[in-house]
Amino acid sequence: MDALVVCKDKISNDHLEGSIISSTFPFRGLTNDLPLSISIARLQNELSSLNSYRECISLLENDPRIAKYLNRLVSISPSGSARQTPNDFLGRLLLDYLKTVPSSEFREEEFDKLYSLQESYLYSEEISCVSLTALVNFEADFDSLEVERGLTIRKISETERIMTSPQQGSIYGFDLITATHAIEQAYVVPKILESNRAELQTRLSEQIESLLVTLRLFSPGNFGTKGTITYENQWSPHGGMSLTYPSFQLFYMGRKFSLRNSDLQPFKAFYSEFKSVGKGDLSLAIRRFNIYYDRRQDADRLIDSIIAFENLLLPERDELSLRLAIRAANLLGQTVEEKKTLFATFRKAYDVRSDIIHGSKYATPIKVDENLSVSLGELVERLEGYLRRSIIELFRLLKNKSKEDIISRLTPPFS
């Protein structure tokens, strides 16, 4: 109470009123805290002279469950740490209270609420975190889908959109402003995160990658992710957010990916079956399938698609174009006519891919057979659909057969 009186007397109302935007997690750190924080820091000597303030410091330093985390680096996210001191806790408590109750009166109920949040943090061994990754060029008509524990696709709230806008000091370029839905990852981080920090970051990245792959296999659409915002989903002396962003700009345009309420249960079952598809025999093909969506040029997409098909269907080193066309036609075609069209498409796609790699010109439109001519973009779009179907079919076949057996069954020419 003495510390609050000192702060009330010394800090101007302008600083108090300018700080009251939101004290709601996780956006406290994006409010205009800086002037008020500076004012409290300038009063540090005066605050430290108060008996009640020094007593609070002593209690923190002499409680063994708290003291082991004082004056050392403590996790504030999977990728960051910060040094915590007793003054950090008391200063943050004063800051939160002054933002909540800017008037001169003391409201014990409000103070107790804030202290309860701080106490929970002080006596916990872990930190509850959330990572929010916006889905770009993605549309949905549902509010939330829990894909598995700790992994959810959900609608971005208006509060999140407002508090991460440039006007509120958000880091430039994050897509929460324009996206409608995001991937939410909820997890806990030990307060002292040392050797397993890289392991945790890898696990979170792989979880996102697995979800993207299964969504892209489930349905067509040129969508992806860019930045990820991470915040502590509880009170902490640090507050705020951190952002990870790709080192190069990604563009997702064209046909939007659409996930509807009627798709949710089928997709959950699909995810459960295919979430490990990126491991084992199909890993290279899956990597190229994913890279395809990050490419801007159709020529690059065609090259990635053919590399993926080579990994799926070509263990040999000779007669690649012919073998690939026969096996893809046998894998995907149901009738002889379908197989003939597929065969011609893959032979032509392989030829165009060779022309692109060697810098040669190819005729446009691309004549697949006597009845079909397409642009490069149309050819690439066909290959993307074929690649999606091939990965799904082969993944299911590999549950009961070896890849060598599958290849041998796809090799005989069709009549």
Protein backbone atom coordinates (compact mmCIF):
# COMPACT_ATOMS: atom_id res chain seq x y z
CA MET A 1 0.00 0.00 0.00
CA ASP A 2 2.86 2.40 0.82
CA ALA A 3 4.43 1.77 -2.57
CA LEU A 4 1.12 2.48 -4.28
CA VAL A 5 0.79 5.76 -2.44
CA VAL A 6 4.28 6.81 -3.53
CA CYS A 7 3.50 5.92 -7.15
CA LYS A 8 0.13 7.71 -7.06
CA ASP A 9 1.74 10.86 -5.68
CA LYS A 10 4.69 10.93 -8.05
CA ILE A 11 3.32 9.69 -11.37
CA SER A 12 1.23 12.07 -13.47
CA ASN A 13 -2.32 11.21 -14.42
CA ASP A 14 -1.31 11.50 -18.07
CA HIS A 15 0.94 8.48 -17.71
CA LEU A 16 -1.75 6.52 -15.91
CA GLU A 17 -4.51 7.31 -18.34
CA GLY A 18 -2.26 6.73 -21.35
CA SER A 19 -1.49 3.23 -20.15
CA ILE A 20 -5.02 1.98 -19.81
CA ILE A 21 -5.70 0.12 -23.02
CA SER A 22 -5.84 -3.50 -22.02
CA SER A 23 -4.50 -5.56 -19.16
CA THR A 24 -5.84 -8.76 -20.69
CA PHE A 25 -3.44 -11.58 -21.50
CA PRO A 26 -1.69 -11.97 -23.85
CA PHE A 27 -1.70 -8.37 -25.04
CA ARG A 28 -0.60 -6.49 -21.95
CA GLY A 29 2.87 -5.99 -23.37
CA LEU A 30 1.46 -4.32 -26.48
CA THR A 31 -0.27 -1.57 -24.54
CA ASN A 32 1.43 1.76 -23.95
CA ASP A 33 3.24 0.65 -20.78
CA LEU A 34 6.54 2.36 -21.45
CA PRO A 35 5.90 5.82 -19.89
CA LEU A 36 4.46 4.27 -16.74
CA SER A 37 7.24 1.66 -16.53
CA ILE A 38 9.87 4.38 -16.80
CA SER A 39 8.17 6.40 -14.08
CA ILE A 40 8.13 3.43 -11.70
CA ALA A 41 11.80 2.69 -12.49
CA ARG A 42 12.74 6.30 -11.62
CA LEU A 43 11.06 5.87 -8.24
CA GLN A 44 13.07 2.72 -7.48
CA ASN A 45 15.26 4.37 -4.83
CA GLU A 46 12.28 5.89 -3.06
CA LEU A 47 10.36 2.63 -3.20
CA SER A 48 13.34 0.68 -1.86
CA SER A 49 13.46 2.93 1.20
CA LEU A 50 9.98 1.82 2.28
CA ASN A 51 9.95 -0.83 5.02
CA SER A 52 6.97 -2.60 3.47
CA TYR A 53 8.69 -2.74 0.08
CA ARG A 54 11.93 -4.11 1.58
CA GLU A 55 9.91 -6.69 3.51
CA CYS A 56 8.32 -7.90 0.28
CA ILE A 57 11.76 -8.21 -1.33
CA SER A 58 12.98 -10.22 1.66
CA LEU A 59 10.00 -12.58 1.49
CA LEU A 60 10.68 -13.30 -2.16
CA GLU A 61 14.41 -13.88 -1.61
CA ASN A 62 13.92 -16.17 1.35
CA ASP A 63 11.22 -18.40 -0.10
CA PRO A 64 13.17 -21.37 -1.56
CA ARG A 65 10.52 -22.15 -4.20
CA ILE A 66 10.78 -18.60 -5.55
CA ALA A 67 14.44 -17.85 -4.84
CA LYS A 68 15.72 -20.58 -7.17
CA TYR A 69 14.35 -18.59 -10.12
CA LEU A 70 15.58 -15.17 -9.00
CA ASN A 71 18.56 -13.40 -10.57
CA ARG A 72 18.92 -15.96 -13.33
CA LEU A 73 17.64 -16.54 -16.84
CA VAL A 74 14.06 -17.83 -16.92
CA SER A 75 12.12 -18.87 -20.01
CA ILE A 76 9.74 -16.35 -21.51
CA SER A 77 9.04 -18.42 -24.66
CA PRO A 78 10.44 -21.53 -26.38
CA SER A 79 13.16 -19.36 -27.94
CA GLY A 80 13.90 -16.72 -25.32
CA SER A 81 14.89 -16.12 -21.71
CA ALA A 82 15.11 -13.12 -19.42
CA ARG A 83 16.72 -12.40 -16.07
CA GLN A 84 14.23 -12.04 -13.21
CA THR A 85 14.78 -10.02 -10.03
CA PRO A 86 12.53 -9.34 -7.02
CA ASN A 87 12.11 -5.75 -8.24
CA ASP A 88 10.70 -7.08 -11.52
CA PHE A 89 7.82 -8.75 -9.70
CA LEU A 90 6.99 -5.84 -7.43
CA GLY A 91 7.36 -3.30 -10.23
CA ARG A 92 5.06 -5.33 -12.47
CA LEU A 93 2.49 -5.68 -9.70
CA LEU A 94 2.50 -1.90 -9.20
CA LEU A 95 2.27 -1.32 -12.93
CA ASP A 96 -0.67 -3.70 -13.38
CA TYR A 97 -2.53 -2.21 -10.45
CA LEU A 98 -2.01 1.39 -11.54
CA LYS A 99 -3.29 0.51 -15.00
CA THR A 100 -6.33 -1.25 -13.58
CA VAL A 101 -7.18 1.33 -10.90
CA PRO A 102 -5.86 4.77 -11.90
CA SER A 103 -7.89 6.61 -9.27
CA SER A 104 -6.39 7.56 -5.90
CA GLU A 105 -8.41 5.06 -3.87
CA PHE A 106 -7.08 1.62 -2.92
CA ARG A 107 -9.27 -1.27 -4.06
CA GLU A 108 -8.30 -4.37 -2.16
CA GLU A 109 -10.39 -6.68 -4.33
CA GLU A 110 -8.60 -5.59 -7.51
CA PHE A 111 -5.21 -5.81 -5.82
CA ASP A 112 -5.97 -9.34 -4.57
CA LYS A 113 -6.90 -10.47 -8.08
CA LEU A 114 -3.62 -9.22 -9.49
CA TYR A 115 -1.61 -10.67 -6.63
CA SER A 116 -3.30 -14.05 -7.10
CA LEU A 117 -2.15 -14.13 -10.74
CA GLN A 118 1.39 -13.26 -9.70
CA GLU A 119 1.40 -15.84 -6.92
CA SER A 120 0.39 -18.58 -9.37
CA TYR A 121 3.35 -17.68 -11.54
CA LEU A 122 5.80 -17.49 -8.65
CA TYR A 123 5.02 -20.99 -7.40
CA SER A 124 4.78 -22.75 -10.75
CA GLU A 125 7.56 -24.85 -12.24
CA GLU A 126 6.37 -24.30 -15.81
CA ILE A 127 5.14 -21.50 -18.03
CA SER A 128 1.99 -21.87 -20.10
CA CYS A 129 2.60 -20.66 -23.67
CA VAL A 130 0.59 -20.22 -26.84
CA SER A 131 1.88 -19.89 -30.39
CA LEU A 132 -0.50 -18.42 -32.96
CA THR A 133 0.28 -18.91 -36.66
CA ALA A 134 -1.98 -17.16 -39.16
CA LEU A 135 -3.32 -19.18 -42.11
CA VAL A 136 -2.95 -17.11 -45.29
CA ASN A 137 -5.35 -17.49 -48.25
CA PHE A 138 -7.46 -19.79 -46.07
CA GLU A 139 -11.22 -19.61 -45.47
CA ALA A 140 -13.49 -21.46 -43.05
CA ASP A 141 -16.99 -21.19 -41.62
CA PHE A 142 -16.32 -22.60 -38.12
CA ASP A 143 -15.03 -21.01 -34.92
CA SER A 144 -12.71 -23.72 -33.63
CA LEU A 145 -11.47 -27.22 -34.40
CA GLU A 146 -9.30 -29.10 -31.91
CA VAL A 147 -7.20 -31.29 -34.20
CA GLU A 148 -5.47 -32.96 -31.26
CA ARG A 149 -4.55 -32.00 -27.74
CA GLY A 150 -2.74 -28.66 -27.80
CA LEU A 151 -3.32 -28.13 -31.54
CA THR A 152 -6.32 -26.13 -32.74
CA ILE A 153 -7.44 -24.33 -35.88
CA ARG A 154 -9.54 -21.41 -34.74
CA LYS A 155 -10.98 -18.07 -35.70
CA ILE A 156 -8.86 -15.02 -34.89
CA SER A 157 -10.66 -12.80 -32.39
CA GLU A 158 -11.24 -9.12 -32.94
CA THR A 159 -9.20 -8.39 -29.80
CA GLU A 160 -6.23 -10.23 -31.30
CA ARG A 161 -6.67 -8.44 -34.59
CA ILE A 162 -6.85 -5.00 -32.99
CA MET A 163 -4.02 -5.53 -30.51
CA THR A 164 -1.64 -6.77 -33.22
CA SER A 165 -2.41 -3.98 -35.66
CA PRO A 166 0.33 -1.48 -36.61
CA GLN A 167 -1.48 1.25 -34.64
CA GLN A 168 -0.84 -0.72 -31.45
CA GLY A 169 2.85 -1.19 -32.17
CA SER A 170 2.63 -4.68 -33.63
CA ILE A 171 5.64 -6.02 -35.46
CA TYR A 172 5.21 -5.17 -39.13
CA GLY A 173 3.83 -7.74 -41.53
CA PHE A 174 2.05 -10.19 -39.26
CA ASP A 175 -1.03 -11.62 -40.94
CA LEU A 176 -3.41 -11.69 -37.97
CA ILE A 177 -4.60 -8.35 -39.32
CA THR A 178 -6.06 -9.81 -42.53
CA ALA A 179 -6.36 -13.57 -41.91
CA THR A 180 -9.55 -15.08 -40.51
CA HIS A 181 -8.15 -18.25 -38.91
CA ALA A 182 -4.92 -19.37 -37.28
CA ILE A 183 -3.23 -22.46 -35.91
CA GLU A 184 -2.99 -22.33 -32.11
CA GLN A 185 -0.41 -24.45 -30.31
CA ALA A 186 -0.78 -24.63 -26.52
CA TYR A 187 2.06 -26.10 -24.47
CA VAL A 188 4.13 -25.64 -21.33
CA VAL A 189 7.78 -24.65 -21.07
CA PRO A 190 9.92 -25.37 -17.99
CA LYS A 191 11.02 -22.13 -16.33
CA ILE A 192 14.61 -23.27 -16.68
CA LEU A 193 14.78 -24.45 -20.30
CA GLU A 194 18.32 -25.35 -21.24
CA SER A 195 19.44 -28.34 -23.30
CA ASN A 196 15.96 -29.19 -24.60
CA ARG A 197 15.22 -25.75 -26.04
CA ALA A 198 16.10 -26.73 -29.63
CA GLU A 199 14.17 -29.98 -29.22
CA LEU A 200 11.02 -28.09 -28.22
CA GLN A 201 11.32 -25.64 -31.11
CA THR A 202 11.78 -28.55 -33.53
CA ARG A 203 8.72 -30.31 -32.15
CA LEU A 204 6.56 -27.21 -32.55
CA SER A 205 7.80 -26.65 -36.12
CA GLU A 206 7.18 -30.28 -37.05
CA GLN A 207 3.66 -30.10 -35.63
CA ILE A 208 2.87 -27.11 -37.86
CA GLU A 209 4.45 -28.82 -40.86
CA SER A 210 2.45 -32.00 -40.26
CA LEU A 211 -0.81 -30.07 -40.04
CA LEU A 212 -0.05 -28.13 -43.23
CA VAL A 213 0.75 -31.33 -45.12
CA THR A 214 -2.46 -33.07 -44.07
CA LEU A 215 -4.56 -30.01 -44.91
CA ARG A 216 -2.95 -29.78 -48.35
CA LEU A 217 -3.46 -33.49 -48.96
CA PHE A 218 -7.06 -33.27 -47.78
CA SER A 219 -8.12 -30.57 -50.21
CA PRO A 220 -6.63 -28.30 -52.94
CA GLY A 221 -5.93 -24.63 -52.40
CA ASN A 222 -2.84 -22.43 -52.43
CA PHE A 223 -2.48 -21.48 -48.76
CA GLY A 224 0.28 -21.39 -46.18
CA THR A 225 1.67 -19.65 -43.11
CA LYS A 226 4.07 -16.80 -42.47
CA GLY A 227 4.69 -15.38 -39.01
CA THR A 228 4.10 -17.00 -35.63
CA ILE A 229 3.31 -14.95 -32.55
CA THR A 230 4.18 -16.54 -29.21
CA TYR A 231 3.04 -15.32 -25.80
CA GLU A 232 2.84 -16.52 -22.22
CA ASN A 233 -0.74 -17.53 -21.53
CA GLN A 234 -0.61 -16.45 -17.91
CA TRP A 235 0.69 -13.58 -15.81
CA SER A 236 4.42 -12.98 -16.04
CA PRO A 237 6.74 -10.10 -15.16
CA HIS A 238 7.60 -9.75 -18.85
CA GLY A 239 4.32 -9.84 -20.77
CA GLY A 240 4.16 -9.03 -24.45
CA MET A 241 4.80 -11.22 -27.46
CA SER A 242 7.60 -12.55 -29.61
CA LEU A 243 7.47 -13.08 -33.36
CA THR A 244 9.24 -15.54 -35.61
CA TYR A 245 9.06 -14.83 -39.32
CA PRO A 246 10.53 -16.47 -42.44
CA SER A 247 13.73 -14.94 -43.78
CA PHE A 248 12.11 -14.42 -47.19
CA GLN A 249 8.67 -13.19 -48.14
CA LEU A 250 6.10 -15.86 -49.04
CA PHE A 251 3.11 -15.24 -51.28
CA TYR A 252 -0.06 -17.33 -51.31
CA MET A 253 -2.44 -16.24 -54.05
CA GLY A 254 -4.97 -17.80 -56.36
CA ARG A 255 -7.44 -20.46 -55.29
CA LYS A 256 -8.17 -20.25 -51.57
CA PHE A 257 -8.10 -23.31 -49.36
CA SER A 258 -11.57 -23.90 -47.92
CA LEU A 259 -12.41 -25.93 -44.81
CA ARG A 260 -16.10 -26.12 -43.91
CA ASN A 261 -17.98 -27.21 -40.84
CA SER A 262 -19.11 -30.34 -42.69
CA ASP A 263 -15.43 -31.23 -43.30
CA LEU A 264 -14.33 -31.16 -39.67
CA GLN A 265 -14.90 -34.75 -38.59
CA PRO A 266 -13.63 -36.22 -41.89
CA PHE A 267 -10.53 -34.03 -41.62
CA LYS A 268 -9.84 -35.09 -38.02
CA ALA A 269 -9.94 -38.73 -39.12
CA PHE A 270 -7.74 -37.89 -42.12
CA TYR A 271 -5.23 -36.07 -39.90
CA SER A 272 -5.08 -39.00 -37.49
CA GLU A 273 -4.23 -41.30 -40.41
CA PHE A 274 -1.81 -39.05 -42.28
CA LYS A 275 -0.02 -36.92 -39.66
CA SER A 276 3.08 -39.13 -39.93
CA VAL A 277 3.09 -39.13 -43.74
CA GLY A 278 6.21 -36.94 -43.88
CA LYS A 279 8.37 -39.64 -42.33
CA GLY A 280 9.87 -42.74 -43.92
CA ASP A 281 9.71 -43.61 -47.62
CA LEU A 282 7.69 -40.56 -48.62
CA SER A 283 9.70 -37.89 -46.80
CA LEU A 284 11.39 -36.37 -49.87
CA ALA A 285 8.17 -36.37 -51.88
CA ILE A 286 6.33 -34.69 -49.00
CA ARG A 287 9.04 -32.05 -48.68
CA ARG A 288 8.78 -31.22 -52.38
CA PHE A 289 4.97 -31.26 -52.18
CA ASN A 290 5.16 -28.67 -49.40
CA ILE A 291 7.79 -26.54 -51.14
CA TYR A 292 5.51 -26.43 -54.19
CA TYR A 293 3.12 -24.10 -52.32
CA ASP A 294 5.90 -21.67 -51.43
CA ARG A 295 6.96 -21.23 -55.07
CA ARG A 296 5.80 -18.25 -57.11
CA GLN A 297 6.78 -19.49 -60.59
CA ASP A 298 4.96 -22.30 -62.39
CA ALA A 299 8.27 -23.55 -63.80
CA ASP A 300 9.65 -24.08 -60.28
CA ARG A 301 6.43 -25.80 -59.23
CA LEU A 302 6.67 -28.19 -62.16
CA ILE A 303 10.25 -29.10 -61.23
CA ASP A 304 9.26 -29.75 -57.60
CA SER A 305 6.33 -31.92 -58.71
CA ILE A 306 8.46 -34.09 -60.99
CA ILE A 307 11.14 -34.50 -58.29
CA ALA A 308 8.39 -35.65 -55.91
CA PHE A 309 7.10 -38.17 -58.47
CA GLU A 310 10.64 -39.45 -59.08
CA ASN A 311 10.98 -40.10 -55.36
CA LEU A 312 7.63 -41.88 -55.28
CA LEU A 313 7.92 -44.04 -58.40
CA LEU A 314 11.48 -44.11 -59.79
CA PRO A 315 14.15 -46.09 -57.93
CA GLU A 316 15.95 -46.65 -61.28
CA ARG A 317 18.43 -44.39 -63.10
CA ASP A 318 17.44 -45.03 -66.74
CA GLU A 319 14.36 -44.59 -68.97
CA LEU A 320 12.97 -42.27 -66.32
CA SER A 321 10.33 -40.50 -68.38
CA LEU A 322 8.83 -43.73 -69.71
CA ARG A 323 8.86 -45.55 -66.36
CA LEU A 324 7.36 -42.59 -64.53
CA ALA A 325 4.55 -42.17 -67.07
CA ILE A 326 3.62 -45.86 -67.01
CA ARG A 327 3.63 -46.14 -63.21
CA ALA A 328 1.74 -42.91 -62.60
CA ALA A 329 -0.88 -43.94 -65.16
CA ASN A 330 -1.28 -47.35 -63.53
CA LEU A 331 -1.47 -45.83 -60.06
CA LEU A 332 -4.02 -43.12 -60.86
CA GLY A 333 -6.00 -44.35 -63.85
CA GLN A 334 -9.11 -46.52 -63.64
CA THR A 335 -9.76 -47.16 -67.32
CA VAL A 336 -7.48 -47.64 -70.31
CA GLU A 337 -8.50 -44.23 -71.69
CA GLU A 338 -7.69 -42.51 -68.36
CA LYS A 339 -4.33 -44.26 -68.27
CA LYS A 340 -3.52 -43.16 -71.82
CA THR A 341 -4.26 -39.52 -70.96
CA LEU A 342 -2.21 -39.74 -67.76
CA PHE A 343 0.65 -41.41 -69.63
CA ALA A 344 0.72 -38.62 -72.22
CA THR A 345 0.50 -35.94 -69.51
CA PHE A 346 3.45 -37.28 -67.57
CA ARG A 347 5.60 -37.81 -70.66
CA LYS A 348 4.97 -34.21 -71.72
CA ALA A 349 5.50 -32.86 -68.19
CA TYR A 350 8.84 -34.64 -67.99
CA ASP A 351 9.90 -33.21 -71.35
CA VAL A 352 8.94 -29.66 -70.29
CA ARG A 353 10.78 -30.13 -67.01
CA SER A 354 13.94 -31.10 -68.94
CA ASP A 355 13.56 -28.06 -71.20
CA ILE A 356 13.24 -25.76 -68.16
CA ILE A 357 16.26 -27.24 -66.38
CA HIS A 358 18.47 -27.00 -69.48
CA GLY A 359 17.27 -23.53 -70.45
CA SER A 360 15.57 -24.69 -73.64
CA LYS A 361 12.37 -23.23 -74.99
CA TYR A 362 9.17 -25.26 -75.06
CA ALA A 363 6.14 -24.69 -77.26
CA THR A 364 3.08 -23.03 -75.76
CA PRO A 365 0.36 -24.02 -75.41
CA ILE A 366 1.77 -27.40 -74.38
CA LYS A 367 0.32 -30.18 -76.55
CA VAL A 368 -0.25 -33.21 -74.32
CA ASP A 369 -1.93 -35.33 -77.03
CA GLU A 370 -4.09 -34.87 -80.12
CA ASN A 371 -7.06 -33.81 -78.02
CA LEU A 372 -5.48 -31.82 -75.20
CA SER A 373 -3.38 -28.64 -75.14
CA VAL A 374 -2.74 -26.72 -71.92
CA SER A 375 -0.81 -23.76 -70.56
CA LEU A 376 2.12 -24.32 -68.21
CA GLY A 377 -0.06 -23.22 -65.28
CA GLU A 378 -2.78 -25.71 -66.20
CA LEU A 379 -0.22 -28.51 -66.55
CA VAL A 380 1.24 -27.69 -63.14
CA GLU A 381 -2.21 -27.62 -61.57
CA ARG A 382 -2.95 -31.07 -63.00
CA LEU A 383 0.34 -32.40 -61.62
CA GLU A 384 -0.44 -31.00 -58.16
CA GLY A 385 -3.73 -32.91 -58.10
CA TYR A 386 -2.05 -36.08 -59.34
CA LEU A 387 0.70 -35.74 -56.75
CA ARG A 388 -1.83 -35.34 -53.95
CA ARG A 389 -3.69 -38.48 -55.03
CA SER A 390 -0.44 -40.44 -55.51
CA ILE A 391 0.86 -39.63 -52.03
CA ILE A 392 -2.43 -40.64 -50.42
CA GLU A 393 -2.65 -43.89 -52.41
CA LEU A 394 0.98 -44.89 -51.84
CA PHE A 395 0.87 -44.06 -48.13
CA ARG A 396 -2.09 -46.41 -47.74
CA LEU A 397 -0.51 -49.14 -49.88
CA LEU A 398 2.74 -48.95 -47.88
CA LYS A 399 0.90 -50.03 -44.73
CA ASN A 400 0.70 -53.57 -46.12
CA LYS A 401 3.23 -53.75 -48.96
CA SER A 402 6.85 -52.87 -49.55
CA LYS A 403 7.69 -50.06 -51.93
CA GLU A 404 9.53 -52.53 -54.20
CA ASP A 405 6.39 -54.68 -54.45
CA ILE A 406 4.20 -51.64 -55.21
CA ILE A 407 6.59 -50.43 -57.94
CA SER A 408 6.71 -53.84 -59.58
CA ARG A 409 2.90 -54.00 -59.70
CA LEU A 410 2.75 -50.56 -61.35
CA THR A 411 5.43 -51.28 -63.99
CA PRO A 412 3.69 -53.50 -66.59
CA PRO A 413 2.53 -51.50 -69.64
CA PHE A 414 -1.19 -51.16 -70.15
CA SER A 415 -2.92 -51.92 -73.40
